[in-house]
């Protein structure tokens, strides 16, 4: 993993690569998660404070409810929080999540992307849409508007499919 940047990842930047364990404990490289049948695909990478909290659960369920639309648009959805792989497994199972959750227990990936704390206390809620070439096309930071993260990401992913 490269060192933290002097500024947060922004629109137009190349999405930094990283490796984190998923909800099964398997180390997953971001570049590999972007692959689909040998081709790179768009990815919605969303950072959230924690499993089983009200707003995070609402956000995860909104991604779950729109997951087929993301897949139809050719995109992957990946959630990242500081929770353990075991907590992610319980969260995914309880909420019926069909997408990958990654455990950033050290906070290194959050720092790599420059995801700041919300209200100075909680891990931040930021969604990135990364196109098939690996460029960040959207950064959406709205800690209290979980459903808007999903709507905005899906709208852009669909637009990328027509470019």
C-alpha atoms as a PDB file:
ATOM      1  CA  UNK A   1       0.000   0.000   0.000  1.00  0.00           C
ATOM      2  CA  UNK A   2       1.369   3.403  -0.823  1.00  0.00           C
ATOM      3  CA  UNK A   3       1.693   6.137   1.763  1.00  0.00           C
ATOM      4  CA  UNK A   4      -1.138   8.537   2.570  1.00  0.00           C
ATOM      5  CA  UNK A   5      -1.513  11.463   0.218  1.00  0.00           C
ATOM      6  CA  UNK A   6      -1.196  15.099   1.209  1.00  0.00           C
ATOM      7  CA  UNK A   7      -4.790  15.645   0.070  1.00  0.00           C
ATOM      8  CA  UNK A   8      -7.869  13.458  -0.244  1.00  0.00           C
ATOM      9  CA  UNK A   9      -8.465  11.474  -3.407  1.00  0.00           C
ATOM     10  CA  UNK A  10     -10.399  13.747  -5.776  1.00  0.00           C
ATOM     11  CA  UNK A  11     -12.279  13.543  -9.056  1.00  0.00           C
ATOM     12  CA  UNK A  12      -9.778  12.917 -11.851  1.00  0.00           C
ATOM     13  CA  UNK A  13      -7.271  11.087  -9.634  1.00  0.00           C
ATOM     14  CA  UNK A  14      -6.283   7.489 -10.227  1.00  0.00           C
ATOM     15  CA  UNK A  15      -7.919   5.343  -7.557  1.00  0.00           C
ATOM     16  CA  UNK A  16      -5.220   4.056  -5.202  1.00  0.00           C
ATOM     17  CA  UNK A  17      -4.815   0.287  -5.041  1.00  0.00           C
ATOM     18  CA  UNK A  18      -4.925  -1.549  -1.714  1.00  0.00           C
ATOM     19  CA  UNK A  19      -5.399  -5.013  -0.243  1.00  0.00           C
ATOM     20  CA  UNK A  20      -7.822  -5.740   2.616  1.00  0.00           C
ATOM     21  CA  UNK A  21      -9.569  -8.821   4.005  1.00  0.00           C
ATOM     22  CA  UNK A  22     -13.167  -9.366   2.931  1.00  0.00           C
ATOM     23  CA  UNK A  23     -16.030 -10.731   5.021  1.00  0.00           C
ATOM     24  CA  UNK A  24     -14.609 -14.268   4.689  1.00  0.00           C
ATOM     25  CA  UNK A  25     -11.155 -13.154   5.860  1.00  0.00           C
ATOM     26  CA  UNK A  26      -9.681 -13.548   2.357  1.00  0.00           C
ATOM     27  CA  UNK A  27      -7.179 -10.841   1.361  1.00  0.00           C
ATOM     28  CA  UNK A  28      -8.627  -9.027  -1.651  1.00  0.00           C
ATOM     29  CA  UNK A  29      -6.706  -6.616  -3.873  1.00  0.00           C
ATOM     30  CA  UNK A  30      -8.783  -3.704  -5.136  1.00  0.00           C
ATOM     31  CA  UNK A  31      -7.368  -4.013  -8.673  1.00  0.00           C
ATOM     32  CA  UNK A  32      -8.548  -7.636  -8.771  1.00  0.00           C
ATOM     33  CA  UNK A  33     -12.028  -6.700  -7.529  1.00  0.00           C
ATOM     34  CA  UNK A  34     -12.288  -4.297 -10.458  1.00  0.00           C
ATOM     35  CA  UNK A  35     -11.905  -7.194 -12.921  1.00  0.00           C
ATOM     36  CA  UNK A  36     -14.943  -8.842 -14.479  1.00  0.00           C
ATOM     37  CA  UNK A  37     -14.365 -11.557 -17.078  1.00  0.00           C
ATOM     38  CA  UNK A  38     -10.895 -10.178 -17.793  1.00  0.00           C
ATOM     39  CA  UNK A  39     -12.019  -6.572 -18.296  1.00  0.00           C
ATOM     40  CA  UNK A  40     -11.933  -3.677 -15.875  1.00  0.00           C
ATOM     41  CA  UNK A  41     -15.323  -2.423 -14.754  1.00  0.00           C
ATOM     42  CA  UNK A  42     -16.566   0.609 -12.857  1.00  0.00           C
ATOM     43  CA  UNK A  43     -16.597   0.305  -9.089  1.00  0.00           C
ATOM     44  CA  UNK A  44     -18.604   2.019  -6.393  1.00  0.00           C
ATOM     45  CA  UNK A  45     -16.296   2.104  -3.372  1.00  0.00           C
ATOM     46  CA  UNK A  46     -18.033   3.336  -0.271  1.00  0.00           C
ATOM     47  CA  UNK A  47     -16.513   3.988   3.129  1.00  0.00           C
ATOM     48  CA  UNK A  48     -18.861   3.899   6.102  1.00  0.00           C
ATOM     49  CA  UNK A  49     -18.454   4.216   9.881  1.00  0.00           C
ATOM     50  CA  UNK A  50     -19.614   0.800  11.072  1.00  0.00           C
ATOM     51  CA  UNK A  51     -21.830  -2.233  10.778  1.00  0.00           C
ATOM     52  CA  UNK A  52     -25.249  -2.376  12.431  1.00  0.00           C
ATOM     53  CA  UNK A  53     -25.510   1.363  13.101  1.00  0.00           C
ATOM     54  CA  UNK A  54     -28.772   2.964  11.917  1.00  0.00           C
ATOM     55  CA  UNK A  55     -27.475   5.132   9.058  1.00  0.00           C
ATOM     56  CA  UNK A  56     -24.883   2.592   7.910  1.00  0.00           C
ATOM     57  CA  UNK A  57     -27.514  -0.137   7.865  1.00  0.00           C
ATOM     58  CA  UNK A  58     -29.817   2.116   5.848  1.00  0.00           C
ATOM     59  CA  UNK A  59     -26.992   2.793   3.378  1.00  0.00           C
ATOM     60  CA  UNK A  60     -26.003  -0.874   3.035  1.00  0.00           C
ATOM     61  CA  UNK A  61     -29.631  -1.877   2.509  1.00  0.00           C
ATOM     62  CA  UNK A  62     -30.047   0.856  -0.121  1.00  0.00           C
ATOM     63  CA  UNK A  63     -27.014  -0.559  -1.965  1.00  0.00           C
ATOM     64  CA  UNK A  64     -28.504  -4.055  -1.542  1.00  0.00           C
ATOM     65  CA  UNK A  65     -31.861  -2.946  -2.919  1.00  0.00           C
ATOM     66  CA  UNK A  66     -30.185  -1.357  -5.967  1.00  0.00           C
ATOM     67  CA  UNK A  67     -27.468  -3.983  -6.355  1.00  0.00           C
ATOM     68  CA  UNK A  68     -29.044  -5.614  -9.424  1.00  0.00           C
ATOM     69  CA  UNK A  69     -29.157  -2.178 -11.082  1.00  0.00           C
ATOM     70  CA  UNK A  70     -25.441  -1.677 -10.409  1.00  0.00           C
ATOM     71  CA  UNK A  71     -24.647  -5.133 -11.808  1.00  0.00           C
ATOM     72  CA  UNK A  72     -26.836  -4.450 -14.861  1.00  0.00           C
ATOM     73  CA  UNK A  73     -24.836  -1.261 -15.394  1.00  0.00           C
ATOM     74  CA  UNK A  74     -21.619  -3.321 -15.232  1.00  0.00           C
ATOM     75  CA  UNK A  75     -20.389  -2.044 -11.860  1.00  0.00           C
ATOM     76  CA  UNK A  76     -19.166  -3.655  -8.660  1.00  0.00           C
ATOM     77  CA  UNK A  77     -20.134  -2.358  -5.209  1.00  0.00           C
ATOM     78  CA  UNK A  78     -17.595  -2.565  -2.383  1.00  0.00           C
ATOM     79  CA  UNK A  79     -18.112  -1.354   1.175  1.00  0.00           C
ATOM     80  CA  UNK A  80     -15.242  -0.539   3.542  1.00  0.00           C
ATOM     81  CA  UNK A  81     -15.291   0.032   7.295  1.00  0.00           C
ATOM     82  CA  UNK A  82     -13.023  -0.619  10.249  1.00  0.00           C
ATOM     83  CA  UNK A  83     -15.128  -3.565  11.398  1.00  0.00           C
ATOM     84  CA  UNK A  84     -13.617  -7.054  11.512  1.00  0.00           C
ATOM     85  CA  UNK A  85     -14.199  -9.648   8.789  1.00  0.00           C
ATOM     86  CA  UNK A  86     -16.363 -11.549  11.289  1.00  0.00           C
ATOM     87  CA  UNK A  87     -18.541  -8.498  11.916  1.00  0.00           C
ATOM     88  CA  UNK A  88     -18.795  -7.976   8.146  1.00  0.00           C
ATOM     89  CA  UNK A  89     -19.874 -11.600   7.697  1.00  0.00           C
ATOM     90  CA  UNK A  90     -22.650 -11.179  10.307  1.00  0.00           C
ATOM     91  CA  UNK A  91     -23.707  -7.849   8.792  1.00  0.00           C
ATOM     92  CA  UNK A  92     -23.783  -9.220   5.230  1.00  0.00           C
ATOM     93  CA  UNK A  93     -25.714 -12.305   6.328  1.00  0.00           C
ATOM     94  CA  UNK A  94     -28.208 -10.438   8.520  1.00  0.00           C
ATOM     95  CA  UNK A  95     -28.891  -7.742   5.926  1.00  0.00           C
ATOM     96  CA  UNK A  96     -28.748 -10.012   2.870  1.00  0.00           C
ATOM     97  CA  UNK A  97     -25.879  -8.112   1.247  1.00  0.00           C
ATOM     98  CA  UNK A  98     -24.590  -9.660  -1.970  1.00  0.00           C
ATOM     99  CA  UNK A  99     -21.582  -7.404  -2.412  1.00  0.00           C
ATOM    100  CA  UNK A 100     -18.082  -7.366  -0.948  1.00  0.00           C
ATOM    101  CA  UNK A 101     -17.333  -5.772   2.410  1.00  0.00           C
ATOM    102  CA  UNK A 102     -13.699  -5.064   3.267  1.00  0.00           C
ATOM    103  CA  UNK A 103     -12.155  -4.700   6.710  1.00  0.00           C
ATOM    104  CA  UNK A 104      -9.895  -1.679   7.154  1.00  0.00           C
ATOM    105  CA  UNK A 105      -9.199  -2.259  10.846  1.00  0.00           C
ATOM    106  CA  UNK A 106      -5.973  -0.222  10.753  1.00  0.00           C
ATOM    107  CA  UNK A 107      -7.620   2.712   8.978  1.00  0.00           C
ATOM    108  CA  UNK A 108      -4.741   2.769   6.464  1.00  0.00           C
ATOM    109  CA  UNK A 109      -6.996   2.613   3.402  1.00  0.00           C
ATOM    110  CA  UNK A 110      -9.295   5.278   4.810  1.00  0.00           C
ATOM    111  CA  UNK A 111      -6.227   7.498   5.269  1.00  0.00           C
ATOM    112  CA  UNK A 112      -4.914   6.559   1.799  1.00  0.00           C
ATOM    113  CA  UNK A 113      -8.139   7.910   0.308  1.00  0.00           C
ATOM    114  CA  UNK A 114      -8.211  10.878   2.687  1.00  0.00           C
ATOM    115  CA  UNK A 115     -11.598  10.008   4.192  1.00  0.00           C
ATOM    116  CA  UNK A 116     -11.932  12.414   7.102  1.00  0.00           C
ATOM    117  CA  UNK A 117     -13.876  11.804  10.275  1.00  0.00           C
ATOM    118  CA  UNK A 118     -17.467  13.006  10.326  1.00  0.00           C
ATOM    119  CA  UNK A 119     -18.189  15.623  12.955  1.00  0.00           C
ATOM    120  CA  UNK A 120     -14.621  15.087  14.166  1.00  0.00           C
ATOM    121  CA  UNK A 121     -15.614  11.805  15.854  1.00  0.00           C
ATOM    122  CA  UNK A 122     -16.875   9.033  13.594  1.00  0.00           C
ATOM    123  CA  UNK A 123     -15.176   7.399  10.660  1.00  0.00           C
ATOM    124  CA  UNK A 124     -16.381   9.243   7.560  1.00  0.00           C
ATOM    125  CA  UNK A 125     -19.026   8.250   5.010  1.00  0.00           C
ATOM    126  CA  UNK A 126     -17.668   8.876   1.498  1.00  0.00           C
ATOM    127  CA  UNK A 127     -18.585   7.182  -1.771  1.00  0.00           C
ATOM    128  CA  UNK A 128     -16.276   7.032  -4.783  1.00  0.00           C
ATOM    129  CA  UNK A 129     -17.287   6.046  -8.292  1.00  0.00           C
ATOM    130  CA  UNK A 130     -14.270   4.779 -10.198  1.00  0.00           C
ATOM    131  CA  UNK A 131     -14.551   4.252 -13.943  1.00  0.00           C
ATOM    132  CA  UNK A 132     -13.222   1.255 -15.863  1.00  0.00           C
ATOM    133  CA  UNK A 133      -9.912   3.032 -16.523  1.00  0.00           C
ATOM    134  CA  UNK A 134      -9.360   3.483 -12.766  1.00  0.00           C
ATOM    135  CA  UNK A 135     -10.104   7.207 -12.587  1.00  0.00           C
ATOM    136  CA  UNK A 136     -12.233   8.636  -9.801  1.00  0.00           C
ATOM    137  CA  UNK A 137     -15.313  10.163 -11.404  1.00  0.00           C
ATOM    138  CA  UNK A 138     -17.288  11.046  -8.272  1.00  0.00           C
ATOM    139  CA  UNK A 139     -16.569  11.755  -4.614  1.00  0.00           C
ATOM    140  CA  UNK A 140     -19.729  12.078  -2.541  1.00  0.00           C
ATOM    141  CA  UNK A 141     -19.372  13.076   1.096  1.00  0.00           C
ATOM    142  CA  UNK A 142     -22.664  13.410   2.975  1.00  0.00           C
ATOM    143  CA  UNK A 143     -22.525  11.756   6.403  1.00  0.00           C
ATOM    144  CA  UNK A 144     -26.251  11.874   7.123  1.00  0.00           C
ATOM    145  CA  UNK A 145     -27.623  11.251   3.605  1.00  0.00           C
ATOM    146  CA  UNK A 146     -26.973   7.533   3.165  1.00  0.00           C
ATOM    147  CA  UNK A 147     -29.597   6.915   0.452  1.00  0.00           C
ATOM    148  CA  UNK A 148     -28.258   9.822  -1.620  1.00  0.00           C
ATOM    149  CA  UNK A 149     -24.900   8.026  -1.890  1.00  0.00           C
ATOM    150  CA  UNK A 150     -26.645   5.159  -3.668  1.00  0.00           C
ATOM    151  CA  UNK A 151     -28.786   7.339  -5.955  1.00  0.00           C
ATOM    152  CA  UNK A 152     -25.878   9.528  -7.048  1.00  0.00           C
ATOM    153  CA  UNK A 153     -23.546   6.577  -7.608  1.00  0.00           C
ATOM    154  CA  UNK A 154     -26.109   4.648  -9.656  1.00  0.00           C
ATOM    155  CA  UNK A 155     -26.900   7.679 -11.788  1.00  0.00           C
ATOM    156  CA  UNK A 156     -23.206   8.133 -12.646  1.00  0.00           C
ATOM    157  CA  UNK A 157     -22.549   4.416 -13.225  1.00  0.00           C
ATOM    158  CA  UNK A 158     -25.427   4.336 -15.705  1.00  0.00           C
ATOM    159  CA  UNK A 159     -24.046   7.430 -17.431  1.00  0.00           C
ATOM    160  CA  UNK A 160     -20.585   5.839 -17.672  1.00  0.00           C
ATOM    161  CA  UNK A 161     -22.166   2.916 -19.506  1.00  0.00           C
ATOM    162  CA  UNK A 162     -23.325   5.253 -22.276  1.00  0.00           C
ATOM    163  CA  UNK A 163     -19.995   7.072 -22.732  1.00  0.00           C
END
